[in-house]
C-alpha atoms as a PDB file:
ATOM      1  CA  MET A   1     -35.447  17.120  68.909  1.00  0.00           C
ATOM      2  CA  LYS A   2     -35.772  14.566  71.781  1.00  0.00           C
ATOM      3  CA  GLN A   3     -33.300  11.688  71.168  1.00  0.00           C
ATOM      4  CA  LEU A   4     -33.197   8.250  73.580  1.00  0.00           C
ATOM      5  CA  CYS A   5     -30.180   6.064  73.066  1.00  0.00           C
ATOM      6  CA  LEU A   6     -29.665   2.424  74.434  1.00  0.00           C
ATOM      7  CA  GLU A   7     -25.687   1.755  74.529  1.00  0.00           C
ATOM      8  CA  ASN A   8     -23.591  -1.523  75.767  1.00  0.00           C
ATOM      9  CA  GLU A   9     -19.848  -2.537  74.470  1.00  0.00           C
ATOM     10  CA  TYR A  10     -21.130  -3.630  71.759  1.00  0.00           C
ATOM     11  CA  LEU A  11     -23.788  -1.399  70.022  1.00  0.00           C
ATOM     12  CA  LYS A  12     -24.982   2.017  70.642  1.00  0.00           C
ATOM     13  CA  VAL A  13     -29.210   2.880  69.225  1.00  0.00           C
ATOM     14  CA  VAL A  14     -30.793   5.751  69.309  1.00  0.00           C
ATOM     15  CA  ILE A  15     -34.660   6.396  68.545  1.00  0.00           C
ATOM     16  CA  LEU A  16     -37.118   9.435  68.279  1.00  0.00           C
ATOM     17  CA  PRO A  17     -40.042   9.255  69.945  1.00  0.00           C
ATOM     18  CA  ASP A  18     -41.145  12.416  68.163  1.00  0.00           C
ATOM     19  CA  LEU A  19     -41.103  10.848  65.253  1.00  0.00           C
ATOM     20  CA  GLY A  20     -42.673   7.552  64.927  1.00  0.00           C
ATOM     21  CA  GLY A  21     -40.485   6.240  67.690  1.00  0.00           C
ATOM     22  CA  ARG A  22     -38.083   5.314  64.593  1.00  0.00           C
ATOM     23  CA  ILE A  23     -34.779   3.975  64.832  1.00  0.00           C
ATOM     24  CA  ASP A  24     -32.312   6.914  63.836  1.00  0.00           C
ATOM     25  CA  SER A  25     -28.981   4.908  63.781  1.00  0.00           C
ATOM     26  CA  PHE A  26     -27.997   1.749  64.720  1.00  0.00           C
ATOM     27  CA  VAL A  27     -24.405   1.188  65.217  1.00  0.00           C
ATOM     28  CA  ASN A  28     -21.778  -1.706  65.597  1.00  0.00           C
ATOM     29  CA  LYS A  29     -19.048   0.245  68.656  1.00  0.00           C
ATOM     30  CA  LYS A  30     -16.459  -2.563  66.525  1.00  0.00           C
ATOM     31  CA  ASN A  31     -16.223  -0.863  63.733  1.00  0.00           C
ATOM     32  CA  ASN A  32     -18.260   2.562  63.670  1.00  0.00           C
ATOM     33  CA  LYS A  33     -20.622   1.512  60.975  1.00  0.00           C
ATOM     34  CA  ASN A  34     -24.595   2.595  61.061  1.00  0.00           C
ATOM     35  CA  TRP A  35     -26.961   0.536  59.779  1.00  0.00           C
ATOM     36  CA  VAL A  36     -29.715   2.898  59.257  1.00  0.00           C
ATOM     37  CA  TRP A  37     -30.206   5.254  56.474  1.00  0.00           C
ATOM     38  CA  ASN A  38     -31.588   8.364  56.740  1.00  0.00           C
ATOM     39  CA  ASN A  39     -32.189  11.076  53.959  1.00  0.00           C
ATOM     40  CA  ASN A  40     -29.926  13.613  54.004  1.00  0.00           C
ATOM     41  CA  ASN A  41     -31.785  16.027  51.904  1.00  0.00           C
ATOM     42  CA  LEU A  42     -33.856  16.346  54.287  1.00  0.00           C
ATOM     43  CA  ASN A  43     -34.033  17.576  58.279  1.00  0.00           C
ATOM     44  CA  LYS A  44     -35.099  15.529  60.836  1.00  0.00           C
ATOM     45  CA  SER A  45     -38.675  17.045  61.703  1.00  0.00           C
ATOM     46  CA  LYS A  46     -42.538  16.645  62.532  1.00  0.00           C
ATOM     47  CA  VAL A  47     -44.263  15.842  59.034  1.00  0.00           C
ATOM     48  CA  SER A  48     -48.181  16.188  58.967  1.00  0.00           C
ATOM     49  CA  LYS A  49     -49.593  12.843  58.489  1.00  0.00           C
ATOM     50  CA  TYR A  50     -51.695  14.472  55.462  1.00  0.00           C
ATOM     51  CA  SER A  51     -48.332  14.332  54.059  1.00  0.00           C
ATOM     52  CA  GLU A  52     -47.009  12.042  50.489  1.00  0.00           C
ATOM     53  CA  TYR A  53     -44.891   9.848  52.143  1.00  0.00           C
ATOM     54  CA  ASP A  54     -42.259   9.548  49.666  1.00  0.00           C
ATOM     55  CA  SER A  55     -40.849  13.048  49.215  1.00  0.00           C
ATOM     56  CA  ASN A  56     -41.078  12.997  53.088  1.00  0.00           C
ATOM     57  CA  TRP A  57     -39.023   9.996  53.635  1.00  0.00           C
ATOM     58  CA  GLN A  58     -36.652  10.723  56.123  1.00  0.00           C
ATOM     59  CA  GLY A  59     -35.232   7.132  56.542  1.00  0.00           C
ATOM     60  CA  GLY A  60     -35.051   5.597  59.923  1.00  0.00           C
ATOM     61  CA  TRP A  61     -36.681   2.090  61.002  1.00  0.00           C
ATOM     62  CA  GLU A  62     -40.166   2.465  61.600  1.00  0.00           C
ATOM     63  CA  GLU A  63     -43.544   0.406  61.042  1.00  0.00           C
ATOM     64  CA  LEU A  64     -46.625   1.087  58.655  1.00  0.00           C
ATOM     65  CA  PHE A  65     -49.653   0.442  59.855  1.00  0.00           C
ATOM     66  CA  PRO A  66     -52.989   0.032  59.304  1.00  0.00           C
ATOM     67  CA  ASN A  67     -52.369   0.103  55.386  1.00  0.00           C
ATOM     68  CA  ASP A  68     -49.461   1.010  52.957  1.00  0.00           C
ATOM     69  CA  ALA A  69     -50.856   2.504  49.997  1.00  0.00           C
ATOM     70  CA  ILE A  70     -54.283   4.979  50.934  1.00  0.00           C
ATOM     71  CA  GLU A  71     -57.098   2.577  51.631  1.00  0.00           C
ATOM     72  CA  ASP A  72     -60.511   3.374  53.367  1.00  0.00           C
ATOM     73  CA  PHE A  73     -61.497   1.991  56.704  1.00  0.00           C
ATOM     74  CA  SER A  74     -64.712   1.635  59.086  1.00  0.00           C
ATOM     75  CA  TRP A  75     -63.336   4.212  60.902  1.00  0.00           C
ATOM     76  CA  GLY A  76     -62.494   6.447  58.607  1.00  0.00           C
ATOM     77  CA  LYS A  77     -59.727   6.608  55.838  1.00  0.00           C
ATOM     78  CA  GLY A  78     -56.132   5.099  56.186  1.00  0.00           C
ATOM     79  CA  LEU A  79     -53.596   7.973  55.202  1.00  0.00           C
ATOM     80  CA  ASP A  80     -50.155   7.318  52.599  1.00  0.00           C
ATOM     81  CA  HIS A  81     -48.043   4.974  54.490  1.00  0.00           C
ATOM     82  CA  GLY A  82     -50.340   4.556  57.439  1.00  0.00           C
ATOM     83  CA  GLU A  83     -50.580   6.634  60.987  1.00  0.00           C
ATOM     84  CA  LEU A  84     -47.149   4.923  63.016  1.00  0.00           C
ATOM     85  CA  TRP A  85     -44.509   6.744  60.933  1.00  0.00           C
ATOM     86  CA  SER A  86     -46.019  10.109  61.634  1.00  0.00           C
ATOM     87  CA  THR A  87     -47.227   9.979  64.868  1.00  0.00           C
ATOM     88  CA  SER A  88     -45.204  10.585  68.343  1.00  0.00           C
ATOM     89  CA  TRP A  89     -44.923   7.816  70.714  1.00  0.00           C
ATOM     90  CA  SER A  90     -44.975   8.354  74.669  1.00  0.00           C
ATOM     91  CA  ILE A  91     -42.242   6.837  76.627  1.00  0.00           C
ATOM     92  CA  ASN A  92     -43.099   4.150  79.527  1.00  0.00           C
ATOM     93  CA  LYS A  93     -40.157   2.791  80.526  1.00  0.00           C
ATOM     94  CA  ILE A  94     -36.839   4.009  79.957  1.00  0.00           C
ATOM     95  CA  GLU A  95     -33.014   2.157  81.339  1.00  0.00           C
ATOM     96  CA  THR A  96     -29.683   1.872  80.017  1.00  0.00           C
ATOM     97  CA  ASN A  97     -30.554  -0.904  77.745  1.00  0.00           C
ATOM     98  CA  PHE A  98     -34.370  -0.996  77.502  1.00  0.00           C
ATOM     99  CA  LEU A  99     -37.036   1.296  76.310  1.00  0.00           C
ATOM    100  CA  GLU A 100     -40.547   0.916  76.061  1.00  0.00           C
ATOM    101  CA  LEU A 101     -43.037   3.535  74.014  1.00  0.00           C
ATOM    102  CA  LYS A 102     -47.058   3.829  73.645  1.00  0.00           C
ATOM    103  CA  THR A 103     -49.066   5.282  71.381  1.00  0.00           C
ATOM    104  CA  THR A 104     -51.869   6.888  72.406  1.00  0.00           C
ATOM    105  CA  ASN A 105     -53.453   9.463  69.312  1.00  0.00           C
ATOM    106  CA  LEU A 106     -53.961   7.206  66.792  1.00  0.00           C
ATOM    107  CA  ASP A 107     -57.202   7.925  64.082  1.00  0.00           C
ATOM    108  CA  SER A 108     -58.125   4.355  64.292  1.00  0.00           C
ATOM    109  CA  SER A 109     -58.175   4.360  68.328  1.00  0.00           C
ATOM    110  CA  THR A 110     -55.303   1.800  68.200  1.00  0.00           C
ATOM    111  CA  ILE A 111     -52.781   1.595  71.189  1.00  0.00           C
ATOM    112  CA  PHE A 112     -49.703   0.185  69.963  1.00  0.00           C
ATOM    113  CA  ASN A 113     -46.809  -0.903  72.507  1.00  0.00           C
ATOM    114  CA  LYS A 114     -43.840  -1.277  71.217  1.00  0.00           C
ATOM    115  CA  SER A 115     -40.204  -2.362  73.549  1.00  0.00           C
ATOM    116  CA  PHE A 116     -36.192  -2.208  72.287  1.00  0.00           C
ATOM    117  CA  LYS A 117     -34.144  -4.334  73.769  1.00  0.00           C
ATOM    118  CA  ILE A 118     -30.039  -4.494  73.551  1.00  0.00           C
ATOM    119  CA  PHE A 119     -27.981  -7.706  74.851  1.00  0.00           C
ATOM    120  CA  ASP A 120     -24.612  -8.356  73.495  1.00  0.00           C
ATOM    121  CA  ASN A 121     -24.644  -7.791  69.514  1.00  0.00           C
ATOM    122  CA  LYS A 122     -28.170  -8.262  69.713  1.00  0.00           C
ATOM    123  CA  LEU A 123     -31.331  -5.739  69.273  1.00  0.00           C
ATOM    124  CA  GLU A 124     -34.789  -6.808  70.142  1.00  0.00           C
ATOM    125  CA  VAL A 125     -37.857  -5.020  69.083  1.00  0.00           C
ATOM    126  CA  LYS A 126     -41.022  -6.087  70.335  1.00  0.00           C
ATOM    127  CA  TYR A 127     -44.734  -4.899  69.297  1.00  0.00           C
ATOM    128  CA  GLU A 128     -48.156  -5.729  71.039  1.00  0.00           C
ATOM    129  CA  SER A 129     -51.688  -4.214  69.873  1.00  0.00           C
ATOM    130  CA  ASP A 130     -55.355  -5.187  70.849  1.00  0.00           C
ATOM    131  CA  ILE A 131     -56.883  -4.550  67.191  1.00  0.00           C
ATOM    132  CA  LEU A 132     -60.276  -3.145  68.541  1.00  0.00           C
ATOM    133  CA  PHE A 133     -61.925  -2.537  64.470  1.00  0.00           C
ATOM    134  CA  GLU A 134     -63.494  -5.186  62.705  1.00  0.00           C
ATOM    135  CA  ASP A 135     -61.215  -4.524  58.940  1.00  0.00           C
ATOM    136  CA  TYR A 136     -58.888  -6.078  57.581  1.00  0.00           C
ATOM    137  CA  PHE A 137     -55.287  -4.329  58.110  1.00  0.00           C
ATOM    138  CA  LEU A 138     -51.675  -4.124  57.338  1.00  0.00           C
ATOM    139  CA  PHE A 139     -48.674  -4.522  59.644  1.00  0.00           C
ATOM    140  CA  LYS A 140     -44.966  -4.406  57.993  1.00  0.00           C
ATOM    141  CA  LEU A 141     -41.472  -3.109  59.152  1.00  0.00           C
ATOM    142  CA  HIS A 142     -39.882  -0.366  57.090  1.00  0.00           C
ATOM    143  CA  LEU A 143     -35.835  -0.840  57.723  1.00  0.00           C
ATOM    144  CA  ALA A 144     -34.041   1.230  55.548  1.00  0.00           C
ATOM    145  CA  ILE A 145     -30.357   0.341  55.232  1.00  0.00           C
ATOM    146  CA  PRO A 146     -27.746   2.213  53.728  1.00  0.00           C
ATOM    147  CA  VAL A 147     -26.630   0.562  50.329  1.00  0.00           C
ATOM    148  CA  THR A 148     -22.693   1.266  50.122  1.00  0.00           C
ATOM    149  CA  GLU A 149     -20.080  -0.020  47.845  1.00  0.00           C
ATOM    150  CA  ARG A 150     -21.544  -3.386  47.923  1.00  0.00           C
ATOM    151  CA  ILE A 151     -24.665  -4.791  49.253  1.00  0.00           C
ATOM    152  CA  GLU A 152     -25.206  -8.994  49.151  1.00  0.00           C
ATOM    153  CA  VAL A 153     -28.566 -10.222  50.379  1.00  0.00           C
ATOM    154  CA  LEU A 154     -28.334 -13.645  51.699  1.00  0.00           C
ATOM    155  CA  CYS A 155     -31.709 -15.778  52.094  1.00  0.00           C
ATOM    156  CA  ASP A 156     -33.088 -18.960  51.430  1.00  0.00           C
ATOM    157  CA  TYR A 157     -35.702 -17.924  49.306  1.00  0.00           C
ATOM    158  CA  THR A 158     -38.095 -19.640  46.564  1.00  0.00           C
ATOM    159  CA  SER A 159     -39.015 -16.700  44.248  1.00  0.00           C
ATOM    160  CA  VAL A 160     -39.477 -13.294  43.855  1.00  0.00           C
ATOM    161  CA  ASN A 161     -42.262 -11.381  42.414  1.00  0.00           C
ATOM    162  CA  PRO A 162     -42.081  -7.297  41.494  1.00  0.00           C
ATOM    163  CA  VAL A 163     -45.047  -5.606  43.370  1.00  0.00           C
ATOM    164  CA  ASP A 164     -45.800  -3.476  40.342  1.00  0.00           C
ATOM    165  CA  HIS A 165     -44.912  -4.853  36.812  1.00  0.00           C
ATOM    166  CA  SER A 166     -44.844  -0.758  36.054  1.00  0.00           C
ATOM    167  CA  PHE A 167     -41.964  -0.207  38.152  1.00  0.00           C
ATOM    168  CA  GLY A 168     -38.503  -0.889  38.247  1.00  0.00           C
ATOM    169  CA  ASN A 169     -35.454  -2.482  36.222  1.00  0.00           C
ATOM    170  CA  ILE A 170     -34.580  -5.695  37.749  1.00  0.00           C
ATOM    171  CA  ILE A 171     -36.959  -8.196  38.011  1.00  0.00           C
ATOM    172  CA  ASN A 172     -38.302  -7.459  34.345  1.00  0.00           C
ATOM    173  CA  GLU A 173     -34.553  -7.173  32.804  1.00  0.00           C
ATOM    174  CA  ASN A 174     -33.833 -10.299  34.808  1.00  0.00           C
ATOM    175  CA  LYS A 175     -30.506  -9.007  36.459  1.00  0.00           C
ATOM    176  CA  ASN A 176     -29.310 -10.026  39.939  1.00  0.00           C
ATOM    177  CA  PHE A 177     -32.020  -8.694  42.726  1.00  0.00           C
ATOM    178  CA  PHE A 178     -29.896 -10.065  45.803  1.00  0.00           C
ATOM    179  CA  ILE A 179     -26.563  -8.041  45.057  1.00  0.00           C
ATOM    180  CA  LEU A 180     -26.526  -4.359  44.799  1.00  0.00           C
ATOM    181  CA  GLU A 181     -24.250  -1.450  44.047  1.00  0.00           C
ATOM    182  CA  GLU A 182     -24.029   1.865  45.090  1.00  0.00           C
ATOM    183  CA  ASN A 183     -25.473   4.042  42.451  1.00  0.00           C
ATOM    184  CA  SER A 184     -25.659   1.535  39.589  1.00  0.00           C
ATOM    185  CA  SER A 185     -29.021   3.042  38.694  1.00  0.00           C
ATOM    186  CA  LEU A 186     -31.403   0.002  39.564  1.00  0.00           C
ATOM    187  CA  PHE A 187     -34.095   0.100  41.606  1.00  0.00           C
ATOM    188  CA  ASP A 188     -37.098  -2.015  42.357  1.00  0.00           C
ATOM    189  CA  PHE A 189     -39.982  -3.697  44.669  1.00  0.00           C
ATOM    190  CA  ALA A 190     -40.493  -7.007  45.285  1.00  0.00           C
ATOM    191  CA  TYR A 191     -42.400  -9.568  47.478  1.00  0.00           C
ATOM    192  CA  VAL A 192     -39.497 -12.285  48.270  1.00  0.00           C
ATOM    193  CA  SER A 193     -40.960 -15.959  49.624  1.00  0.00           C
ATOM    194  CA  LEU A 194     -38.432 -17.347  52.159  1.00  0.00           C
ATOM    195  CA  GLN A 195     -38.130 -20.838  53.260  1.00  0.00           C
ATOM    196  CA  ASN A 196     -37.280 -19.193  56.752  1.00  0.00           C
ATOM    197  CA  ASN A 197     -37.500 -16.232  58.563  1.00  0.00           C
ATOM    198  CA  ASN A 198     -34.379 -14.582  58.169  1.00  0.00           C
ATOM    199  CA  ILE A 199     -32.345 -12.607  56.424  1.00  0.00           C
ATOM    200  CA  LEU A 200     -28.629 -11.813  56.477  1.00  0.00           C
ATOM    201  CA  ILE A 201     -26.997  -8.135  54.823  1.00  0.00           C
ATOM    202  CA  LYS A 202     -23.403  -8.172  53.905  1.00  0.00           C
ATOM    203  CA  ASP A 203     -21.439  -5.323  52.869  1.00  0.00           C
ATOM    204  CA  GLU A 204     -18.440  -4.809  50.609  1.00  0.00           C
ATOM    205  CA  LYS A 205     -16.212  -5.018  54.295  1.00  0.00           C
ATOM    206  CA  SER A 206     -17.894  -8.312  55.061  1.00  0.00           C
ATOM    207  CA  ASN A 207     -19.585  -6.472  57.947  1.00  0.00           C
ATOM    208  CA  THR A 208     -22.633  -8.248  58.268  1.00  0.00           C
ATOM    209  CA  LEU A 209     -26.382  -7.833  59.688  1.00  0.00           C
ATOM    210  CA  LYS A 210     -28.296 -10.142  60.604  1.00  0.00           C
ATOM    211  CA  LEU A 211     -32.413 -10.092  60.551  1.00  0.00           C
ATOM    212  CA  SER A 212     -34.615 -12.577  61.997  1.00  0.00           C
ATOM    213  CA  PHE A 213     -38.697 -12.359  62.529  1.00  0.00           C
ATOM    214  CA  PHE A 214     -41.126 -13.680  64.596  1.00  0.00           C
ATOM    215  CA  GLY A 215     -45.271 -13.665  65.698  1.00  0.00           C
ATOM    216  CA  GLU A 216     -47.628 -12.303  63.146  1.00  0.00           C
ATOM    217  CA  LEU A 217     -44.988 -11.091  60.044  1.00  0.00           C
ATOM    218  CA  ASN A 218     -45.389 -14.167  57.903  1.00  0.00           C
ATOM    219  CA  HIS A 219     -44.300 -12.429  54.646  1.00  0.00           C
ATOM    220  CA  PHE A 220     -41.108 -10.612  53.628  1.00  0.00           C
ATOM    221  CA  TRP A 221     -41.164  -7.838  50.946  1.00  0.00           C
ATOM    222  CA  ILE A 222     -37.557  -5.507  49.915  1.00  0.00           C
ATOM    223  CA  PHE A 223     -37.993  -2.372  48.733  1.00  0.00           C
ATOM    224  CA  GLN A 224     -34.128  -1.109  46.962  1.00  0.00           C
ATOM    225  CA  THR A 225     -32.757   1.931  44.936  1.00  0.00           C
ATOM    226  CA  GLN A 226     -29.080   1.865  44.144  1.00  0.00           C
ATOM    227  CA  GLY A 227     -29.187   5.822  43.047  1.00  0.00           C
ATOM    228  CA  GLY A 228     -31.816   4.716  40.311  1.00  0.00           C
ATOM    229  CA  TRP A 229     -35.272   5.929  42.705  1.00  0.00           C
ATOM    230  CA  ASN A 230     -35.007   9.574  43.718  1.00  0.00           C
ATOM    231  CA  ASN A 231     -31.130   9.156  43.921  1.00  0.00           C
ATOM    232  CA  HIS A 232     -31.590   7.330  47.058  1.00  0.00           C
ATOM    233  CA  ASN A 233     -28.584   4.256  47.260  1.00  0.00           C
ATOM    234  CA  VAL A 234     -31.180   2.092  50.124  1.00  0.00           C
ATOM    235  CA  ILE A 235     -32.605  -1.400  50.985  1.00  0.00           C
ATOM    236  CA  VAL A 236     -35.491  -1.637  53.197  1.00  0.00           C
ATOM    237  CA  LEU A 237     -36.394  -5.240  54.535  1.00  0.00           C
ATOM    238  CA  GLU A 238     -39.793  -5.186  55.127  1.00  0.00           C
ATOM    239  CA  PRO A 239     -41.071  -8.107  56.954  1.00  0.00           C
ATOM    240  CA  ALA A 240     -44.803  -7.939  57.065  1.00  0.00           C
ATOM    241  CA  SER A 241     -47.903  -9.548  58.422  1.00  0.00           C
ATOM    242  CA  ASN A 242     -49.979  -9.722  54.535  1.00  0.00           C
ATOM    243  CA  SER A 243     -48.717 -10.838  50.987  1.00  0.00           C
ATOM    244  CA  LYS A 244     -49.723  -8.013  49.182  1.00  0.00           C
ATOM    245  CA  LYS A 245     -49.552  -4.001  49.163  1.00  0.00           C
ATOM    246  CA  ILE A 246     -53.201  -3.473  48.664  1.00  0.00           C
ATOM    247  CA  ILE A 247     -55.072  -5.088  51.297  1.00  0.00           C
ATOM    248  CA  LYS A 248     -57.759  -6.421  49.153  1.00  0.00           C
ATOM    249  CA  ASP A 249     -55.408  -8.542  47.493  1.00  0.00           C
ATOM    250  CA  ALA A 250     -53.866  -9.753  50.329  1.00  0.00           C
ATOM    251  CA  ILE A 251     -57.359 -10.919  51.404  1.00  0.00           C
ATOM    252  CA  ASP A 252     -58.378 -12.456  47.932  1.00  0.00           C
ATOM    253  CA  ASP A 253     -54.710 -14.267  47.975  1.00  0.00           C
ATOM    254  CA  GLY A 254     -56.368 -15.642  51.482  1.00  0.00           C
ATOM    255  CA  SER A 255     -53.044 -13.698  53.521  1.00  0.00           C
ATOM    256  CA  ALA A 256     -54.794 -10.686  55.067  1.00  0.00           C
ATOM    257  CA  VAL A 257     -55.148 -10.207  58.710  1.00  0.00           C
ATOM    258  CA  LYS A 258     -58.514  -8.965  60.294  1.00  0.00           C
ATOM    259  CA  GLY A 259     -59.272  -7.344  63.470  1.00  0.00           C
ATOM    260  CA  PRO A 260     -60.468  -7.448  65.892  1.00  0.00           C
ATOM    261  CA  MET A 261     -57.519  -9.431  67.725  1.00  0.00           C
ATOM    262  CA  LYS A 262     -54.410  -9.201  69.771  1.00  0.00           C
ATOM    263  CA  PHE A 263     -51.584  -7.841  67.521  1.00  0.00           C
ATOM    264  CA  VAL A 264     -48.189  -9.602  68.513  1.00  0.00           C
ATOM    265  CA  CYS A 265     -44.608  -9.918  66.324  1.00  0.00           C
ATOM    266  CA  SER A 266     -41.317  -8.840  66.861  1.00  0.00           C
ATOM    267  CA  TYR A 267     -37.692  -8.877  65.101  1.00  0.00           C
ATOM    268  CA  ILE A 268     -34.164  -9.046  66.520  1.00  0.00           C
ATOM    269  CA  VAL A 269     -31.109  -7.854  64.474  1.00  0.00           C
ATOM    270  CA  GLU A 270     -27.542  -9.286  65.825  1.00  0.00           C
ATOM    271  CA  LEU A 271     -24.127  -7.113  63.718  1.00  0.00           C
ATOM    272  CA  ASN A 272     -21.060  -8.611  63.508  1.00  0.00           C
END
């Protein structure tokens, strides 16, 4: 499996172009902490785009487009969790601290460019695409971070609402959604309304990850499981273009984006 590495004195980032161009590890060299969750029960390997996502979730930091749940579009069917996570990306340019990837093989005929740049203790990832189809769509990040002994999520939020009222045992039971403990048996999925686009994750040793996101990423979701869902201990940070998982719900909510358009967004992660 091809691995591409960006590295400086602070960070080491490994990217898998054949597996959705996903970030496979993101290590703070100061303390050797890897902030990327990987599913140790699955091998790192290609998966058919027709596969069910949850049972094939290998982990990493990836993207979902043009849908999350299976949806119909004018050009065909949007498969489970979309088409970016299962596709291969080609290499446009690579340097010690910079990588640019491109897709050319999507069912929607969309071509995405994404670039990775490291500088000091920061990683910047940028996306650019011309959406040619005339449909509403969803783009969101899917950044999987390990839940270790204790994780705290620090953010200026105004509300936390369940994505699915029949799923999860945190929000409905009035437990603290932003303090996570390994193997507590809790899990949930929420839309989090923020006052700004900054999130800080702090672990039990006070190591921190700060996420800032920009462009068309105007909404924020969090999926988390503290051993309670499929025995996984992972929190997934999901800046998104839409306020709701189902595109029709986002349209009704007045938050869905629609092609054709030039889609541009980015995020920066800072480690300490």
